[in-house]
Protein backbone atom coordinates (compact mmCIF):
# COMPACT_ATOMS: atom_id res chain seq x y z
CA UNK A 1 0.00 0.00 0.00
CA UNK A 2 1.56 3.22 -1.11
CA UNK A 3 0.77 6.58 0.36
CA UNK A 4 -1.02 8.99 -1.86
CA UNK A 5 0.52 12.38 -2.14
CA UNK A 6 -1.63 15.16 -0.76
CA UNK A 7 -2.88 17.81 -3.16
CA UNK A 8 -0.60 20.81 -3.44
CA UNK A 9 -1.81 24.39 -3.95
CA UNK A 10 -1.27 25.31 -7.62
CA UNK A 11 -0.61 28.99 -7.03
CA UNK A 12 1.40 28.87 -3.80
CA UNK A 13 4.76 29.59 -5.44
CA UNK A 14 3.38 32.59 -7.36
CA UNK A 15 1.70 33.91 -4.22
CA UNK A 16 4.90 33.64 -2.17
CA UNK A 17 6.79 35.59 -4.81
CA UNK A 18 4.00 38.18 -5.03
CA UNK A 19 4.13 38.71 -1.25
CA UNK A 20 7.88 39.33 -1.34
CA UNK A 21 7.65 41.67 -4.32
CA UNK A 22 4.70 43.58 -2.82
CA UNK A 23 6.78 44.13 0.32
CA UNK A 24 9.67 45.36 -1.82
CA UNK A 25 12.09 42.75 -0.49
CA UNK A 26 14.77 40.68 -2.15
CA UNK A 27 14.97 36.96 -1.46
CA UNK A 28 17.76 37.37 1.10
CA UNK A 29 15.87 40.04 3.03
CA UNK A 30 12.69 37.96 2.90
CA UNK A 31 14.61 35.01 4.31
CA UNK A 32 15.83 37.21 7.16
CA UNK A 33 12.29 38.39 7.93
CA UNK A 34 10.98 34.82 7.85
CA UNK A 35 13.84 33.59 10.04
CA UNK A 36 12.73 35.97 12.78
CA UNK A 37 9.36 34.19 12.92
CA UNK A 38 10.15 30.65 11.81
CA UNK A 39 13.02 28.27 11.48
CA UNK A 40 16.21 29.71 9.98
CA UNK A 41 15.89 30.18 6.22
CA UNK A 42 18.30 31.31 3.55
CA UNK A 43 17.70 33.07 0.25
CA UNK A 44 18.10 29.81 -1.67
CA UNK A 45 15.19 28.24 0.19
CA UNK A 46 12.98 31.26 -0.54
CA UNK A 47 13.97 30.92 -4.19
CA UNK A 48 12.96 27.24 -4.20
CA UNK A 49 9.61 28.15 -2.65
CA UNK A 50 8.99 30.75 -5.35
CA UNK A 51 9.93 28.38 -8.17
CA UNK A 52 7.70 25.64 -6.77
CA UNK A 53 10.65 23.29 -6.22
CA UNK A 54 9.96 23.09 -2.51
CA UNK A 55 6.87 23.73 -0.43
CA UNK A 56 7.13 25.65 2.85
CA UNK A 57 6.21 23.81 6.02
CA UNK A 58 3.36 24.96 8.24
CA UNK A 59 5.56 27.16 10.43
CA UNK A 60 6.98 28.88 7.35
CA UNK A 61 3.50 29.43 5.88
CA UNK A 62 2.37 31.01 9.15
CA UNK A 63 5.44 33.28 9.07
CA UNK A 64 4.65 34.40 5.50
CA UNK A 65 1.08 35.16 6.58
CA UNK A 66 2.23 37.18 9.60
CA UNK A 67 4.66 39.22 7.51
CA UNK A 68 2.03 39.87 4.83
CA UNK A 69 -0.70 40.37 7.46
CA UNK A 70 -3.08 38.01 5.66
CA UNK A 71 -5.06 34.96 6.75
CA UNK A 72 -3.58 31.59 5.80
CA UNK A 73 -6.47 30.71 3.50
CA UNK A 74 -5.46 33.58 1.18
CA UNK A 75 -2.15 31.86 0.71
CA UNK A 76 -3.02 28.18 0.51
CA UNK A 77 -6.53 28.18 -0.98
CA UNK A 78 -6.42 28.17 -4.78
CA UNK A 79 -9.81 29.90 -4.80
CA UNK A 80 -7.76 33.01 -3.96
CA UNK A 81 -5.83 34.26 -6.97
CA UNK A 82 -2.56 36.18 -6.78
CA UNK A 83 -4.59 39.31 -7.55
CA UNK A 84 -6.94 38.54 -4.62
CA UNK A 85 -3.95 37.99 -2.35
CA UNK A 86 -2.44 41.35 -3.28
CA UNK A 87 -5.82 43.01 -2.69
CA UNK A 88 -5.95 41.47 0.80
CA UNK A 89 -2.42 42.75 1.54
CA UNK A 90 -3.24 46.29 0.40
CA UNK A 91 -6.54 46.33 2.27
CA UNK A 92 -4.90 46.13 5.69
C-alpha atoms as a PDB file:
ATOM      1  CA  UNK A   1       0.000   0.000   0.000  1.00  0.00           C
ATOM      2  CA  UNK A   2       1.559   3.222  -1.114  1.00  0.00           C
ATOM      3  CA  UNK A   3       0.774   6.580   0.362  1.00  0.00           C
ATOM      4  CA  UNK A   4      -1.021   8.994  -1.858  1.00  0.00           C
ATOM      5  CA  UNK A   5       0.523  12.383  -2.144  1.00  0.00           C
ATOM      6  CA  UNK A   6      -1.626  15.162  -0.764  1.00  0.00           C
ATOM      7  CA  UNK A   7      -2.881  17.809  -3.161  1.00  0.00           C
ATOM      8  CA  UNK A   8      -0.599  20.815  -3.435  1.00  0.00           C
ATOM      9  CA  UNK A   9      -1.811  24.387  -3.951  1.00  0.00           C
ATOM     10  CA  UNK A  10      -1.266  25.307  -7.619  1.00  0.00           C
ATOM     11  CA  UNK A  11      -0.613  28.992  -7.029  1.00  0.00           C
ATOM     12  CA  UNK A  12       1.396  28.870  -3.805  1.00  0.00           C
ATOM     13  CA  UNK A  13       4.759  29.595  -5.438  1.00  0.00           C
ATOM     14  CA  UNK A  14       3.378  32.589  -7.358  1.00  0.00           C
ATOM     15  CA  UNK A  15       1.704  33.912  -4.220  1.00  0.00           C
ATOM     16  CA  UNK A  16       4.899  33.640  -2.170  1.00  0.00           C
ATOM     17  CA  UNK A  17       6.793  35.588  -4.813  1.00  0.00           C
ATOM     18  CA  UNK A  18       4.003  38.177  -5.026  1.00  0.00           C
ATOM     19  CA  UNK A  19       4.134  38.707  -1.252  1.00  0.00           C
ATOM     20  CA  UNK A  20       7.884  39.326  -1.342  1.00  0.00           C
ATOM     21  CA  UNK A  21       7.652  41.675  -4.317  1.00  0.00           C
ATOM     22  CA  UNK A  22       4.698  43.580  -2.823  1.00  0.00           C
ATOM     23  CA  UNK A  23       6.781  44.129   0.324  1.00  0.00           C
ATOM     24  CA  UNK A  24       9.675  45.360  -1.820  1.00  0.00           C
ATOM     25  CA  UNK A  25      12.088  42.748  -0.487  1.00  0.00           C
ATOM     26  CA  UNK A  26      14.775  40.677  -2.150  1.00  0.00           C
ATOM     27  CA  UNK A  27      14.971  36.958  -1.455  1.00  0.00           C
ATOM     28  CA  UNK A  28      17.757  37.372   1.099  1.00  0.00           C
ATOM     29  CA  UNK A  29      15.873  40.043   3.027  1.00  0.00           C
ATOM     30  CA  UNK A  30      12.690  37.964   2.898  1.00  0.00           C
ATOM     31  CA  UNK A  31      14.608  35.006   4.306  1.00  0.00           C
ATOM     32  CA  UNK A  32      15.827  37.214   7.159  1.00  0.00           C
ATOM     33  CA  UNK A  33      12.291  38.390   7.935  1.00  0.00           C
ATOM     34  CA  UNK A  34      10.979  34.816   7.850  1.00  0.00           C
ATOM     35  CA  UNK A  35      13.844  33.594  10.045  1.00  0.00           C
ATOM     36  CA  UNK A  36      12.732  35.975  12.778  1.00  0.00           C
ATOM     37  CA  UNK A  37       9.359  34.194  12.923  1.00  0.00           C
ATOM     38  CA  UNK A  38      10.149  30.651  11.805  1.00  0.00           C
ATOM     39  CA  UNK A  39      13.024  28.267  11.482  1.00  0.00           C
ATOM     40  CA  UNK A  40      16.214  29.714   9.981  1.00  0.00           C
ATOM     41  CA  UNK A  41      15.888  30.176   6.223  1.00  0.00           C
ATOM     42  CA  UNK A  42      18.296  31.314   3.548  1.00  0.00           C
ATOM     43  CA  UNK A  43      17.704  33.073   0.246  1.00  0.00           C
ATOM     44  CA  UNK A  44      18.102  29.808  -1.673  1.00  0.00           C
ATOM     45  CA  UNK A  45      15.187  28.238   0.192  1.00  0.00           C
ATOM     46  CA  UNK A  46      12.982  31.257  -0.539  1.00  0.00           C
ATOM     47  CA  UNK A  47      13.974  30.922  -4.186  1.00  0.00           C
ATOM     48  CA  UNK A  48      12.962  27.244  -4.200  1.00  0.00           C
ATOM     49  CA  UNK A  49       9.606  28.146  -2.649  1.00  0.00           C
ATOM     50  CA  UNK A  50       8.993  30.753  -5.347  1.00  0.00           C
ATOM     51  CA  UNK A  51       9.933  28.381  -8.167  1.00  0.00           C
ATOM     52  CA  UNK A  52       7.701  25.635  -6.769  1.00  0.00           C
ATOM     53  CA  UNK A  53      10.647  23.295  -6.221  1.00  0.00           C
ATOM     54  CA  UNK A  54       9.962  23.090  -2.511  1.00  0.00           C
ATOM     55  CA  UNK A  55       6.871  23.731  -0.433  1.00  0.00           C
ATOM     56  CA  UNK A  56       7.132  25.652   2.847  1.00  0.00           C
ATOM     57  CA  UNK A  57       6.209  23.807   6.018  1.00  0.00           C
ATOM     58  CA  UNK A  58       3.359  24.963   8.237  1.00  0.00           C
ATOM     59  CA  UNK A  59       5.562  27.164  10.433  1.00  0.00           C
ATOM     60  CA  UNK A  60       6.976  28.883   7.347  1.00  0.00           C
ATOM     61  CA  UNK A  61       3.502  29.427   5.879  1.00  0.00           C
ATOM     62  CA  UNK A  62       2.368  31.009   9.146  1.00  0.00           C
ATOM     63  CA  UNK A  63       5.442  33.277   9.069  1.00  0.00           C
ATOM     64  CA  UNK A  64       4.651  34.398   5.502  1.00  0.00           C
ATOM     65  CA  UNK A  65       1.079  35.162   6.585  1.00  0.00           C
ATOM     66  CA  UNK A  66       2.230  37.182   9.596  1.00  0.00           C
ATOM     67  CA  UNK A  67       4.662  39.217   7.513  1.00  0.00           C
ATOM     68  CA  UNK A  68       2.030  39.874   4.831  1.00  0.00           C
ATOM     69  CA  UNK A  69      -0.704  40.371   7.457  1.00  0.00           C
ATOM     70  CA  UNK A  70      -3.075  38.013   5.656  1.00  0.00           C
ATOM     71  CA  UNK A  71      -5.059  34.959   6.752  1.00  0.00           C
ATOM     72  CA  UNK A  72      -3.577  31.594   5.802  1.00  0.00           C
ATOM     73  CA  UNK A  73      -6.469  30.713   3.497  1.00  0.00           C
ATOM     74  CA  UNK A  74      -5.458  33.581   1.181  1.00  0.00           C
ATOM     75  CA  UNK A  75      -2.145  31.860   0.713  1.00  0.00           C
ATOM     76  CA  UNK A  76      -3.019  28.179   0.512  1.00  0.00           C
ATOM     77  CA  UNK A  77      -6.526  28.183  -0.977  1.00  0.00           C
ATOM     78  CA  UNK A  78      -6.416  28.170  -4.782  1.00  0.00           C
ATOM     79  CA  UNK A  79      -9.808  29.903  -4.804  1.00  0.00           C
ATOM     80  CA  UNK A  80      -7.759  33.011  -3.958  1.00  0.00           C
ATOM     81  CA  UNK A  81      -5.827  34.256  -6.974  1.00  0.00           C
ATOM     82  CA  UNK A  82      -2.564  36.177  -6.784  1.00  0.00           C
ATOM     83  CA  UNK A  83      -4.595  39.309  -7.548  1.00  0.00           C
ATOM     84  CA  UNK A  84      -6.936  38.544  -4.621  1.00  0.00           C
ATOM     85  CA  UNK A  85      -3.953  37.986  -2.352  1.00  0.00           C
ATOM     86  CA  UNK A  86      -2.443  41.352  -3.277  1.00  0.00           C
ATOM     87  CA  UNK A  87      -5.819  43.015  -2.691  1.00  0.00           C
ATOM     88  CA  UNK A  88      -5.951  41.474   0.802  1.00  0.00           C
ATOM     89  CA  UNK A  89      -2.423  42.747   1.537  1.00  0.00           C
ATOM     90  CA  UNK A  90      -3.238  46.286   0.401  1.00  0.00           C
ATOM     91  CA  UNK A  91      -6.536  46.331   2.273  1.00  0.00           C
ATOM     92  CA  UNK A  92      -4.897  46.128   5.693  1.00  0.00           C
END
